[in-house]
């Protein structure tokens, strides 16, 4: 499970990492309006293919073989209706609240990479669109590697009878401390390329926590894993809405002091 989540988040991060470069490349041939149309068309094609291929229940998919169907028997207990979600129990759970809070903090810092980072590179580091696009993708690229490594390492340690809880907590602890340290180091480095490499390693460290977050939702949520995962992701998206606005106000009231935004994150 941890390795599968690592692969999933690697794909998500790398999709974002290569997009800035791809946008610059496409816009060297067409206007931004046509670039939007092109990327939108790719999304439509993907949606149609996914609709035809995906099934809510894997047992209904023609590509699932007998051995896989046998493995899926273990999941039948989680198929019931979600109309009886125990919201009261979730709201009283210390573990659930900690999942929500840590994912809010995770996302508050991470959303900088996909919102304000190009502006930071232009205004604070003096980089124009082409070079800035390459460096802007570095944190997401490194984050993908961190997700993949974390998923593999967690699975490897658990197979060797390390505690699941301690493994996840350990990776998250190392990840958050490393992310904070590298993010704070970055603005103090004068040379912009090493500075962005430091920021890339901040994203790498942060994503060490990612597979463990979602695996924990599955274990704690049980048949309500989807609901718990969704609520944790909601906390992250609330942070994603707050962070870009907060950074704007911080810059406005501090005379474009980017350092303060890094310290807060």
Protein backbone atom coordinates (compact mmCIF):
# COMPACT_ATOMS: atom_id res chain seq x y z
CA UNK A 1 0.00 0.00 0.00
CA UNK A 2 2.75 2.47 0.93
CA UNK A 3 4.58 1.77 -2.31
CA UNK A 4 1.39 2.22 -4.35
CA UNK A 5 0.76 5.58 -2.66
CA UNK A 6 4.37 6.55 -3.31
CA UNK A 7 3.94 5.84 -7.02
CA UNK A 8 0.65 7.77 -7.12
CA UNK A 9 2.14 10.89 -5.52
CA UNK A 10 5.29 10.61 -7.62
CA UNK A 11 3.06 10.82 -10.69
CA UNK A 12 1.09 13.76 -9.29
CA UNK A 13 4.20 15.71 -8.33
CA UNK A 14 6.03 15.05 -11.58
CA UNK A 15 2.98 16.10 -13.57
CA UNK A 16 3.24 19.48 -11.89
CA UNK A 17 7.04 19.54 -12.14
CA UNK A 18 7.15 19.22 -15.91
CA UNK A 19 4.13 21.40 -16.64
CA UNK A 20 5.87 24.82 -16.28
CA UNK A 21 8.53 23.78 -18.78
CA UNK A 22 5.87 22.37 -21.09
CA UNK A 23 3.83 25.57 -20.88
CA UNK A 24 6.86 27.68 -21.85
CA UNK A 25 7.61 25.31 -24.73
CA UNK A 26 4.03 25.37 -26.07
CA UNK A 27 3.78 29.16 -25.71
CA UNK A 28 6.85 29.56 -27.90
CA UNK A 29 4.62 28.35 -30.77
CA UNK A 30 1.12 29.56 -29.83
CA UNK A 31 -0.56 32.18 -27.65
CA UNK A 32 -1.58 31.47 -24.08
CA UNK A 33 -5.21 31.11 -25.22
CA UNK A 34 -4.34 28.25 -27.57
CA UNK A 35 -2.12 26.74 -24.88
CA UNK A 36 -5.14 26.66 -22.56
CA UNK A 37 -7.22 25.04 -25.27
CA UNK A 38 -4.55 22.40 -25.90
CA UNK A 39 -4.19 21.44 -22.25
CA UNK A 40 -7.98 21.44 -21.85
CA UNK A 41 -8.34 19.09 -24.82
CA UNK A 42 -5.86 16.67 -23.24
CA UNK A 43 -8.00 16.69 -20.09
CA UNK A 44 -11.17 15.94 -22.08
CA UNK A 45 -9.51 12.99 -23.85
CA UNK A 46 -8.27 11.62 -20.53
CA UNK A 47 -11.72 12.00 -18.92
CA UNK A 48 -13.38 10.05 -21.76
CA UNK A 49 -10.80 7.26 -21.62
CA UNK A 50 -11.01 7.05 -17.82
CA UNK A 51 -14.82 6.92 -17.91
CA UNK A 52 -14.68 3.97 -20.31
CA UNK A 53 -11.95 2.11 -18.41
CA UNK A 54 -12.61 2.73 -14.68
CA UNK A 55 -15.06 0.80 -12.50
CA UNK A 56 -16.06 1.70 -8.94
CA UNK A 57 -15.85 -1.98 -8.03
CA UNK A 58 -12.75 -3.73 -9.44
CA UNK A 59 -14.74 -6.98 -9.66
CA UNK A 60 -16.74 -5.44 -12.51
CA UNK A 61 -13.64 -4.80 -14.61
CA UNK A 62 -12.95 -7.23 -17.43
CA UNK A 63 -9.19 -7.00 -16.85
CA UNK A 64 -9.31 -8.42 -13.30
CA UNK A 65 -8.23 -12.07 -13.24
CA UNK A 66 -9.23 -14.89 -10.89
CA UNK A 67 -6.23 -14.48 -8.57
CA UNK A 68 -6.96 -10.78 -8.16
CA UNK A 69 -10.63 -11.48 -7.47
CA UNK A 70 -9.54 -13.84 -4.70
CA UNK A 71 -7.47 -11.06 -3.10
CA UNK A 72 -10.41 -8.66 -3.32
CA UNK A 73 -12.52 -10.88 -1.03
CA UNK A 74 -10.79 -9.24 1.95
CA UNK A 75 -12.33 -5.89 1.03
CA UNK A 76 -15.98 -7.02 0.89
CA UNK A 77 -16.58 -5.92 4.47
CA UNK A 78 -15.92 -2.31 3.43
CA UNK A 79 -18.58 -2.22 0.72
CA UNK A 80 -21.54 -1.16 2.82
CA UNK A 81 -23.37 2.14 2.59
CA UNK A 82 -21.69 5.24 4.01
CA UNK A 83 -24.97 6.70 5.23
CA UNK A 84 -24.04 5.82 8.79
CA UNK A 85 -20.68 7.63 8.95
CA UNK A 86 -19.80 7.98 12.67
CA UNK A 87 -19.08 11.72 12.56
CA UNK A 88 -19.37 12.04 16.33
CA UNK A 89 -16.73 9.38 16.88
CA UNK A 90 -14.45 11.01 14.30
CA UNK A 91 -14.82 14.45 15.90
CA UNK A 92 -13.97 13.02 19.31
CA UNK A 93 -10.88 11.21 18.01
CA UNK A 94 -7.50 12.72 18.90
CA UNK A 95 -5.92 10.83 16.01
CA UNK A 96 -8.37 12.27 13.49
CA UNK A 97 -7.80 15.83 14.70
CA UNK A 98 -4.04 15.38 14.53
CA UNK A 99 -4.36 14.05 10.98
CA UNK A 100 -6.35 17.13 10.01
CA UNK A 101 -4.00 19.60 11.71
CA UNK A 102 -0.78 18.12 10.36
CA UNK A 103 -2.20 17.99 6.82
CA UNK A 104 -3.30 21.63 7.08
CA UNK A 105 0.26 22.58 8.06
CA UNK A 106 1.67 20.33 5.33
CA UNK A 107 -0.45 21.99 2.65
CA UNK A 108 0.04 25.55 3.88
CA UNK A 109 3.73 25.36 3.07
CA UNK A 110 3.38 23.18 -0.01
CA UNK A 111 0.92 25.45 -1.84
CA UNK A 112 3.64 28.09 -2.12
CA UNK A 113 5.25 25.93 -4.82
CA UNK A 114 2.21 26.07 -7.11
CA UNK A 115 1.09 29.63 -6.41
CA UNK A 116 3.73 32.19 -5.38
CA UNK A 117 6.96 30.45 -6.41
CA UNK A 118 7.12 31.89 -9.99
CA UNK A 119 6.54 35.39 -8.56
CA UNK A 120 9.22 34.81 -5.94
CA UNK A 121 11.71 33.68 -8.57
CA UNK A 122 11.00 36.74 -10.69
CA UNK A 123 10.88 39.42 -7.98
CA UNK A 124 13.32 38.11 -5.37
CA UNK A 125 15.68 36.11 -7.58
CA UNK A 126 15.48 38.06 -10.83
CA UNK A 127 14.61 35.10 -13.04
CA UNK A 128 12.56 35.49 -16.19
CA UNK A 129 9.90 33.07 -17.44
CA UNK A 130 12.09 30.49 -19.23
CA UNK A 131 14.70 29.92 -16.52
CA UNK A 132 12.13 30.43 -13.80
CA UNK A 133 9.95 27.66 -15.24
CA UNK A 134 12.78 25.16 -15.01
CA UNK A 135 13.60 26.02 -11.40
CA UNK A 136 9.93 26.28 -10.40
CA UNK A 137 9.47 22.62 -11.27
CA UNK A 138 12.36 21.49 -9.06
CA UNK A 139 10.44 21.32 -5.75
CA UNK A 140 7.69 19.19 -7.29
CA UNK A 141 10.24 16.95 -9.01
CA UNK A 142 12.11 16.40 -5.75
CA UNK A 143 8.83 15.96 -3.87
CA UNK A 144 7.90 13.10 -6.18
CA UNK A 145 11.17 11.36 -5.38
CA UNK A 146 10.52 11.87 -1.67
CA UNK A 147 7.05 10.30 -1.95
CA UNK A 148 8.40 7.31 -3.86
CA UNK A 149 11.29 6.80 -1.45
CA UNK A 150 9.03 7.07 1.59
CA UNK A 151 6.58 4.50 0.24
CA UNK A 152 9.37 2.06 -0.57
CA UNK A 153 11.21 2.63 2.72
CA UNK A 154 8.06 2.24 4.84
CA UNK A 155 7.19 -1.05 3.13
CA UNK A 156 10.77 -2.30 3.53
CA UNK A 157 10.90 -1.46 7.25
CA UNK A 158 7.47 -2.94 7.99
CA UNK A 159 8.42 -6.20 6.23
CA UNK A 160 11.34 -6.37 8.65
CA UNK A 161 8.92 -6.19 11.58
CA UNK A 162 9.43 -2.54 12.44
CA UNK A 163 6.36 -1.02 14.06
CA UNK A 164 3.95 0.44 11.50
CA UNK A 165 3.15 3.36 13.79
CA UNK A 166 6.77 4.18 14.59
CA UNK A 167 7.80 3.83 10.96
CA UNK A 168 5.20 6.33 9.79
CA UNK A 169 5.83 8.71 12.66
CA UNK A 170 9.58 8.49 12.14
CA UNK A 171 9.38 9.28 8.44
CA UNK A 172 6.97 12.15 9.12
CA UNK A 173 9.17 13.55 11.90
CA UNK A 174 12.28 13.45 9.72
CA UNK A 175 10.30 14.87 6.82
CA UNK A 176 8.80 17.85 8.62
CA UNK A 177 12.03 18.78 10.42
CA UNK A 178 14.03 18.44 7.20
CA UNK A 179 11.48 20.46 5.23
CA UNK A 180 11.52 23.29 7.76
CA UNK A 181 15.32 23.37 7.91
CA UNK A 182 15.85 23.39 4.14
CA UNK A 183 13.04 25.90 3.52
CA UNK A 184 14.58 28.31 6.04
CA UNK A 185 18.04 27.79 4.58
CA UNK A 186 16.97 28.60 1.02
CA UNK A 187 16.45 32.40 1.26
CA UNK A 188 19.81 32.85 2.99
CA UNK A 189 21.68 31.36 0.00
CA UNK A 190 22.69 34.17 -2.35
CA UNK A 191 23.16 32.04 -5.48
CA UNK A 192 19.72 31.30 -6.89
CA UNK A 193 20.44 27.81 -8.25
CA UNK A 194 21.72 26.34 -4.94
CA UNK A 195 18.90 28.23 -3.21
CA UNK A 196 16.34 26.46 -5.37
CA UNK A 197 18.09 23.14 -4.83
CA UNK A 198 17.66 23.71 -1.09
CA UNK A 199 13.98 24.44 -1.67
CA UNK A 200 13.77 21.28 -3.75
CA UNK A 201 15.14 19.27 -0.84
CA UNK A 202 12.58 20.95 1.42
CA UNK A 203 9.85 19.56 -0.82
CA UNK A 204 11.64 16.18 -0.93
CA UNK A 205 11.67 16.02 2.87
CA UNK A 206 8.08 17.20 3.21
CA UNK A 207 6.77 14.48 0.93
CA UNK A 208 8.41 11.80 3.06
CA UNK A 209 5.31 12.23 5.25
CA UNK A 210 2.80 11.89 2.42
CA UNK A 211 2.32 8.11 1.96
CA UNK A 212 2.07 7.69 5.73
CA UNK A 213 -0.71 10.29 5.96
CA UNK A 214 -2.93 8.45 3.50
CA UNK A 215 -2.05 4.96 4.75
CA UNK A 216 -3.03 6.04 8.25
CA UNK A 217 -6.41 7.24 6.97
CA UNK A 218 -7.00 3.76 5.54
CA UNK A 219 -6.06 2.01 8.78
CA UNK A 220 -7.91 4.38 11.11
CA UNK A 221 -10.94 4.86 8.85
CA UNK A 222 -11.55 1.20 7.98
CA UNK A 223 -14.75 1.04 5.91
CA UNK A 224 -14.91 4.83 6.22
CA UNK A 225 -11.38 5.31 4.87
CA UNK A 226 -12.70 7.33 1.95
CA UNK A 227 -14.57 9.68 4.25
CA UNK A 228 -11.61 10.16 6.58
CA UNK A 229 -9.21 10.62 3.66
CA UNK A 230 -11.56 13.16 2.14
CA UNK A 231 -11.84 15.11 5.40
CA UNK A 232 -8.05 15.17 5.78
CA UNK A 233 -7.70 16.36 2.21
CA UNK A 234 -10.34 19.01 2.92
CA UNK A 235 -8.15 20.34 5.74
CA UNK A 236 -5.29 20.50 3.26
CA UNK A 237 -7.41 22.33 0.69
CA UNK A 238 -8.55 24.84 3.31
CA UNK A 239 -4.86 25.56 3.87
CA UNK A 240 -4.47 25.79 0.10
CA UNK A 241 -7.11 28.51 0.06
CA UNK A 242 -5.67 30.36 3.05
CA UNK A 243 -1.98 30.24 2.15
CA UNK A 244 -1.91 32.22 -1.14
CA UNK A 245 -4.08 34.97 0.36
CA UNK A 246 -2.03 35.07 3.56
CA UNK A 247 1.24 35.33 1.63
CA UNK A 248 -0.19 38.24 -0.38
CA UNK A 249 -1.14 40.14 2.77
CA UNK A 250 2.18 39.34 4.44
CA UNK A 251 4.08 40.75 1.47
CA UNK A 252 1.83 43.79 1.36
CA UNK A 253 2.26 44.69 5.03
CA UNK A 254 5.99 43.87 5.24
CA UNK A 255 7.18 45.59 2.08
CA UNK A 256 7.69 42.35 0.12
CA UNK A 257 9.66 40.62 2.85
CA UNK A 258 9.74 37.08 1.48
CA UNK A 259 11.78 35.84 4.41
CA UNK A 260 8.83 36.20 6.78
CA UNK A 261 6.65 34.01 4.53
CA UNK A 262 9.27 31.25 4.71
CA UNK A 263 9.51 31.47 8.49
CA UNK A 264 5.73 31.24 8.86
CA UNK A 265 5.58 28.20 6.57
